[in-house]
Amino acid sequence: MNEIIESIKKSTIEIQKIIEKGDMGKSEEQNATGDTQLKLDIISDQVIENNFKQLKSIKKIVSEEQEHIININEEGEYLIAYDPLDGSSLVDVNLSVGSIYGIYKNDFTGKNIVASVYIVFGPRIEMVICDGETVKLYRMKSNEEFYYVKNIYMNPSGNLNSPGSTQMCWYPHHKKMIDVMFEEDYELTYSGGMVPDLHHILVRGGGLFSYPGASDKPKGKLRQLFEVFPFAHIFETAGGGATDGQARVLNITTEHIHDTSPCFFGSNLEINRVIEAYKL
């Protein structure tokens, strides 16, 4: 596992330098779910893939930007699903973006995730590592070394509300829940980037991030292996929760590597609110 973390650090440093160079143009390619890829997405994906290919401990990898699983070493122990640069379109307007890694054993399912890592590329470069027992925050120094900052814990409740997806497509029960929360003085936090918004809630210790199923996307938009499962693993380990509205996120069945799912992440009081609102 240590060599995987070191590889992620190396990729982070390389991607940060690529971001600073700033080629924000669109490519002529689309990823596996039909999104037009930015050149930045493709280059970041190549960086991570090339670094992971050097590790004997990795059996397989799969990227949100690619259609198929890539075999690395048949004798390897770990399988890694990653989103090379979540929210990459936000770079052009100088907002924070991130990378997300889910580390699995045996197969790519929520029940088999053993570690999660995400990176925040913002005013500071920060890395959060979850090994299933603790959630630790690290920060990169000017000499490109990462140092430990603190452990992250969720409070029983919070006051942040980060509601995603197209509001005009929300189902009535979801809209009612969000409206009531704002009537109760929850604070809006929403950048359009999953990593910075969830990082905000985690570091502040509580609140709710939601990306529900809606009339335009009944199964939600966020991908299970690359986004949903890694953050569910982190939130649960930090003392919070993650649900799709009816079930624990990490118990959701995965039928295809690019499956999506409705998802809600937050402190326990807010997760319980979601479950109550979704009792249809």
Protein backbone atom coordinates (compact mmCIF):
# COMPACT_ATOMS: atom_id res chain seq x y z
CA MET A 1 0.00 0.00 0.00
CA ASN A 2 2.84 2.42 0.78
CA GLU A 3 4.15 2.29 -2.77
CA ILE A 4 0.68 3.12 -4.07
CA ILE A 5 0.48 6.19 -1.83
CA GLU A 6 3.95 7.27 -2.98
CA SER A 7 2.86 6.84 -6.61
CA ILE A 8 -0.22 9.01 -5.96
CA LYS A 9 2.01 11.69 -4.44
CA LYS A 10 4.25 11.58 -7.51
CA SER A 11 1.26 11.89 -9.85
CA THR A 12 -0.11 14.76 -7.77
CA ILE A 13 3.10 16.76 -8.16
CA GLU A 14 3.16 16.11 -11.90
CA ILE A 15 -0.52 17.02 -12.38
CA GLN A 16 -0.10 20.24 -10.40
CA LYS A 17 2.66 21.30 -12.80
CA ILE A 18 0.44 20.45 -15.76
CA ILE A 19 -2.39 22.55 -14.30
CA GLU A 20 -0.02 25.46 -13.87
CA LYS A 21 0.91 25.28 -17.56
CA GLY A 22 -2.78 25.64 -18.30
CA ASP A 23 -3.91 23.92 -21.52
CA MET A 24 -7.69 24.09 -20.92
CA GLY A 25 -8.77 23.25 -24.46
CA LYS A 26 -11.24 20.53 -25.34
CA SER A 27 -10.10 17.41 -27.14
CA GLU A 28 -11.98 15.61 -29.89
CA GLU A 29 -12.49 12.61 -27.58
CA GLN A 30 -15.27 11.53 -25.22
CA ASN A 31 -14.92 9.41 -22.08
CA ALA A 32 -16.82 6.18 -21.42
CA THR A 33 -19.97 8.01 -20.34
CA GLY A 34 -20.07 10.45 -23.25
CA ASP A 35 -18.53 13.55 -21.67
CA THR A 36 -16.23 15.58 -23.91
CA GLN A 37 -12.73 15.27 -22.52
CA LEU A 38 -10.51 18.24 -21.84
CA LYS A 39 -6.86 17.91 -22.81
CA LEU A 40 -6.13 18.31 -19.11
CA ASP A 41 -8.22 15.19 -18.34
CA ILE A 42 -6.35 13.10 -20.89
CA ILE A 43 -2.87 14.21 -19.81
CA SER A 44 -3.68 13.70 -16.10
CA ASP A 45 -5.01 10.24 -16.88
CA GLN A 46 -1.81 9.33 -18.71
CA VAL A 47 0.35 10.54 -15.83
CA ILE A 48 -1.46 8.36 -13.29
CA GLU A 49 -1.60 5.32 -15.56
CA ASN A 50 2.12 5.50 -16.36
CA ASN A 51 3.05 5.76 -12.68
CA PHE A 52 0.76 2.91 -11.61
CA LYS A 53 2.15 0.66 -14.34
CA GLN A 54 5.49 0.67 -12.50
CA LEU A 55 4.04 -1.01 -9.38
CA LYS A 56 4.06 -4.77 -8.85
CA SER A 57 1.43 -4.54 -6.11
CA ILE A 58 -1.29 -3.42 -8.55
CA LYS A 59 -3.26 -6.06 -10.42
CA LYS A 60 -5.63 -3.87 -12.45
CA ILE A 61 -6.57 -0.22 -12.89
CA VAL A 62 -9.53 1.53 -14.45
CA SER A 63 -9.96 5.23 -15.10
CA GLU A 64 -13.11 7.27 -15.41
CA GLU A 65 -11.61 8.55 -18.67
CA GLN A 66 -11.23 5.08 -20.22
CA GLU A 67 -13.75 2.45 -21.25
CA HIS A 68 -11.95 -0.72 -20.18
CA ILE A 69 -10.00 -2.17 -17.27
CA ILE A 70 -6.23 -2.24 -17.79
CA ASN A 71 -4.29 -5.27 -16.57
CA ILE A 72 -1.02 -4.39 -14.83
CA ASN A 73 0.33 -7.44 -12.96
CA GLU A 74 -1.59 -10.68 -12.59
CA GLU A 75 0.24 -11.36 -9.32
CA GLY A 76 -0.68 -7.95 -7.90
CA GLU A 77 -2.87 -7.53 -4.83
CA TYR A 78 -4.79 -4.31 -5.48
CA LEU A 79 -7.26 -2.96 -8.02
CA ILE A 80 -7.51 0.82 -8.38
CA ALA A 81 -10.32 2.91 -9.87
CA TYR A 82 -9.58 6.60 -10.22
CA ASP A 83 -10.91 9.90 -11.50
CA PRO A 84 -7.79 11.71 -12.74
CA LEU A 85 -9.13 15.25 -12.46
CA ASP A 86 -12.61 15.67 -11.03
CA GLY A 87 -14.15 19.04 -11.94
CA SER A 88 -11.46 19.79 -14.51
CA SER A 89 -13.64 22.40 -16.25
CA LEU A 90 -13.37 24.52 -13.08
CA VAL A 91 -9.64 25.06 -13.63
CA ASP A 92 -10.43 27.60 -16.33
CA VAL A 93 -12.29 29.77 -13.78
CA ASN A 94 -9.61 29.20 -11.11
CA LEU A 95 -11.65 27.04 -8.73
CA SER A 96 -10.39 24.01 -6.84
CA VAL A 97 -10.39 20.58 -8.51
CA GLY A 98 -9.23 17.15 -7.39
CA SER A 99 -8.23 13.55 -8.04
CA ILE A 100 -10.06 10.57 -6.50
CA TYR A 101 -8.75 7.04 -5.96
CA GLY A 102 -10.61 3.93 -4.79
CA ILE A 103 -8.38 0.99 -3.86
CA TYR A 104 -10.02 -2.45 -3.96
CA LYS A 105 -9.20 -6.12 -3.47
CA ASN A 106 -10.61 -9.09 -5.43
CA ASP A 107 -13.04 -7.09 -7.56
CA PHE A 108 -14.42 -3.60 -8.14
CA THR A 109 -17.34 -3.50 -5.70
CA GLY A 110 -18.20 -1.28 -2.75
CA LYS A 111 -17.88 -4.18 -0.32
CA ASN A 112 -14.27 -4.74 -1.41
CA ILE A 113 -12.90 -1.22 -1.08
CA VAL A 114 -9.98 -1.19 1.34
CA ALA A 115 -8.59 2.34 1.03
CA SER A 116 -9.48 5.70 -0.49
CA VAL A 117 -7.47 8.77 -1.35
CA TYR A 118 -8.38 12.15 -2.76
CA ILE A 119 -6.34 15.21 -3.67
CA VAL A 120 -7.45 18.83 -3.59
CA PHE A 121 -5.71 21.15 -6.05
CA GLY A 122 -6.53 24.54 -4.57
CA PRO A 123 -4.67 27.42 -2.94
CA ARG A 124 -2.93 24.56 -1.12
CA ILE A 125 -2.37 21.00 -2.32
CA GLU A 126 -3.98 18.67 0.21
CA MET A 127 -4.30 14.88 0.32
CA VAL A 128 -6.75 12.84 2.38
CA ILE A 129 -6.01 9.16 3.00
CA CYS A 130 -8.49 6.66 4.43
CA ASP A 131 -7.35 3.16 5.35
CA GLY A 132 -10.70 2.04 6.77
CA GLU A 133 -9.66 2.91 10.33
CA THR A 134 -8.70 6.59 10.17
CA VAL A 135 -9.05 9.54 7.81
CA LYS A 136 -5.88 11.64 7.73
CA LEU A 137 -5.27 15.04 6.14
CA TYR A 138 -1.87 15.87 4.63
CA ARG A 139 -0.63 19.10 3.05
CA MET A 140 2.13 19.61 0.51
CA LYS A 141 4.99 21.92 1.42
CA SER A 142 6.81 24.15 -1.06
CA ASN A 143 9.53 21.47 -1.32
CA GLU A 144 6.88 19.03 -2.65
CA GLU A 145 6.89 16.94 0.54
CA PHE A 146 3.59 16.02 2.20
CA TYR A 147 3.22 16.46 5.95
CA TYR A 148 0.53 15.25 8.33
CA VAL A 149 -1.96 17.92 9.48
CA LYS A 150 -4.69 16.12 11.45
CA ASN A 151 -7.22 13.32 11.57
CA ILE A 152 -10.67 14.14 10.20
CA TYR A 153 -13.80 13.32 12.22
CA MET A 154 -17.45 14.00 11.44
CA ASN A 155 -19.67 15.66 14.02
CA PRO A 156 -23.13 14.14 14.67
CA SER A 157 -24.62 16.99 12.60
CA GLY A 158 -23.52 20.02 10.60
CA ASN A 159 -24.82 23.18 8.96
CA LEU A 160 -23.56 22.90 5.36
CA ASN A 161 -25.83 21.91 2.49
CA SER A 162 -24.38 21.09 -0.93
CA PRO A 163 -27.21 20.14 -3.33
CA GLY A 164 -26.19 18.86 -6.78
CA SER A 165 -27.92 17.97 -10.06
CA THR A 166 -30.40 20.00 -12.12
CA GLN A 167 -32.95 21.53 -9.75
CA MET A 168 -35.78 21.65 -12.31
CA CYS A 169 -35.46 17.84 -12.55
CA TRP A 170 -35.59 17.13 -8.80
CA TYR A 171 -38.35 14.86 -7.53
CA PRO A 172 -40.81 16.61 -5.17
CA HIS A 173 -39.71 14.75 -2.02
CA HIS A 174 -36.10 15.71 -2.64
CA LYS A 175 -36.93 19.36 -3.29
CA LYS A 176 -38.99 19.50 -0.12
CA MET A 177 -36.10 18.11 1.96
CA ILE A 178 -33.61 20.63 0.55
CA ASP A 179 -36.05 23.55 0.95
CA VAL A 180 -36.71 22.65 4.60
CA MET A 181 -33.00 22.47 5.31
CA PHE A 182 -32.47 25.97 3.98
CA GLU A 183 -35.46 27.18 5.99
CA GLU A 184 -33.59 25.83 9.02
CA ASP A 185 -30.56 28.03 8.16
CA TYR A 186 -28.27 25.48 6.61
CA GLU A 187 -25.54 27.25 4.64
CA LEU A 188 -25.23 26.70 0.90
CA THR A 189 -21.88 25.41 -0.34
CA TYR A 190 -21.69 24.35 -3.97
CA SER A 191 -18.83 24.90 -6.41
CA GLY A 192 -19.78 22.33 -9.02
CA GLY A 193 -16.80 20.21 -8.02
CA MET A 194 -17.35 17.05 -5.99
CA VAL A 195 -13.91 17.06 -4.36
CA PRO A 196 -13.89 20.65 -3.03
CA ASP A 197 -17.50 20.46 -1.82
CA LEU A 198 -17.05 17.16 0.02
CA HIS A 199 -13.70 18.33 1.38
CA HIS A 200 -15.44 21.42 2.75
CA ILE A 201 -18.00 19.29 4.60
CA LEU A 202 -15.37 16.86 5.90
CA VAL A 203 -12.99 19.53 7.18
CA ARG A 204 -15.83 21.51 8.75
CA GLY A 205 -17.07 18.30 10.36
CA GLY A 206 -20.65 18.04 9.12
CA GLY A 207 -23.45 18.76 6.68
CA LEU A 208 -24.89 17.11 3.58
CA PHE A 209 -23.73 16.65 -0.01
CA SER A 210 -26.40 15.30 -2.32
CA TYR A 211 -26.45 14.20 -5.94
CA PRO A 212 -29.84 12.50 -6.26
CA GLY A 213 -31.52 10.54 -8.96
CA ALA A 214 -33.73 12.98 -10.90
CA SER A 215 -36.07 12.95 -13.87
CA ASP A 216 -33.20 13.60 -16.30
CA LYS A 217 -30.82 11.09 -14.64
CA PRO A 218 -32.76 8.52 -12.55
CA LYS A 219 -29.53 6.74 -11.57
CA GLY A 220 -27.70 9.96 -10.79
CA LYS A 221 -24.55 11.17 -12.52
CA LEU A 222 -21.67 10.26 -10.23
CA ARG A 223 -19.78 7.03 -10.95
CA GLN A 224 -19.75 4.33 -8.29
CA LEU A 225 -16.17 3.07 -8.56
CA PHE A 226 -14.40 6.36 -9.14
CA GLU A 227 -16.38 8.81 -7.01
CA VAL A 228 -19.23 7.34 -4.96
CA PHE A 229 -17.55 4.37 -3.25
CA PRO A 230 -14.28 6.15 -2.33
CA PHE A 231 -16.13 9.01 -0.64
CA ALA A 232 -18.61 6.65 1.04
CA HIS A 233 -15.63 4.79 2.49
CA ILE A 234 -14.13 8.06 3.74
CA PHE A 235 -17.32 9.45 5.26
CA GLU A 236 -18.16 6.22 7.08
CA THR A 237 -14.64 5.90 8.45
CA ALA A 238 -14.75 9.51 9.66
CA GLY A 239 -17.95 8.76 11.59
CA GLY A 240 -20.54 9.96 9.09
CA GLY A 241 -22.60 8.09 6.54
CA ALA A 242 -23.40 7.57 2.87
CA THR A 243 -26.68 6.42 1.34
CA ASP A 244 -28.39 6.29 -2.04
CA GLY A 245 -31.65 7.22 -0.31
CA GLN A 246 -32.66 3.68 0.56
CA ALA A 247 -29.49 1.67 1.15
CA ARG A 248 -25.94 2.03 2.41
CA VAL A 249 -23.86 3.14 -0.56
CA LEU A 250 -21.16 0.49 -0.11
CA ASN A 251 -23.81 -2.25 -0.39
CA ILE A 252 -24.97 -1.12 -3.83
CA THR A 253 -24.60 -3.67 -6.62
CA THR A 254 -22.22 -2.78 -9.43
CA GLU A 255 -23.09 -4.25 -12.81
CA HIS A 256 -20.67 -2.26 -14.98
CA ILE A 257 -17.45 -0.41 -14.17
CA HIS A 258 -19.04 2.88 -15.23
CA ASP A 259 -22.30 2.46 -13.29
CA THR A 260 -23.67 5.59 -11.64
CA SER A 261 -25.74 5.93 -8.48
CA PRO A 262 -27.70 8.53 -6.52
CA CYS A 263 -25.61 9.45 -3.49
CA PHE A 264 -25.76 11.42 -0.28
CA PHE A 265 -22.76 11.97 2.00
CA GLY A 266 -22.81 13.67 5.37
CA SER A 267 -23.00 13.57 9.12
CA ASN A 268 -25.42 11.11 10.66
CA LEU A 269 -28.27 13.48 11.43
CA GLU A 270 -28.36 14.68 7.83
CA ILE A 271 -28.10 11.14 6.43
CA ASN A 272 -31.05 10.11 8.60
CA ARG A 273 -33.01 13.06 7.18
CA VAL A 274 -32.37 11.75 3.69
CA ILE A 275 -33.52 8.24 4.60
CA GLU A 276 -36.74 9.63 6.11
CA ALA A 277 -37.39 11.87 3.10
CA TYR A 278 -36.89 8.92 0.73
CA LYS A 279 -39.32 6.55 2.46
CA LEU A 280 -41.72 6.51 -0.48
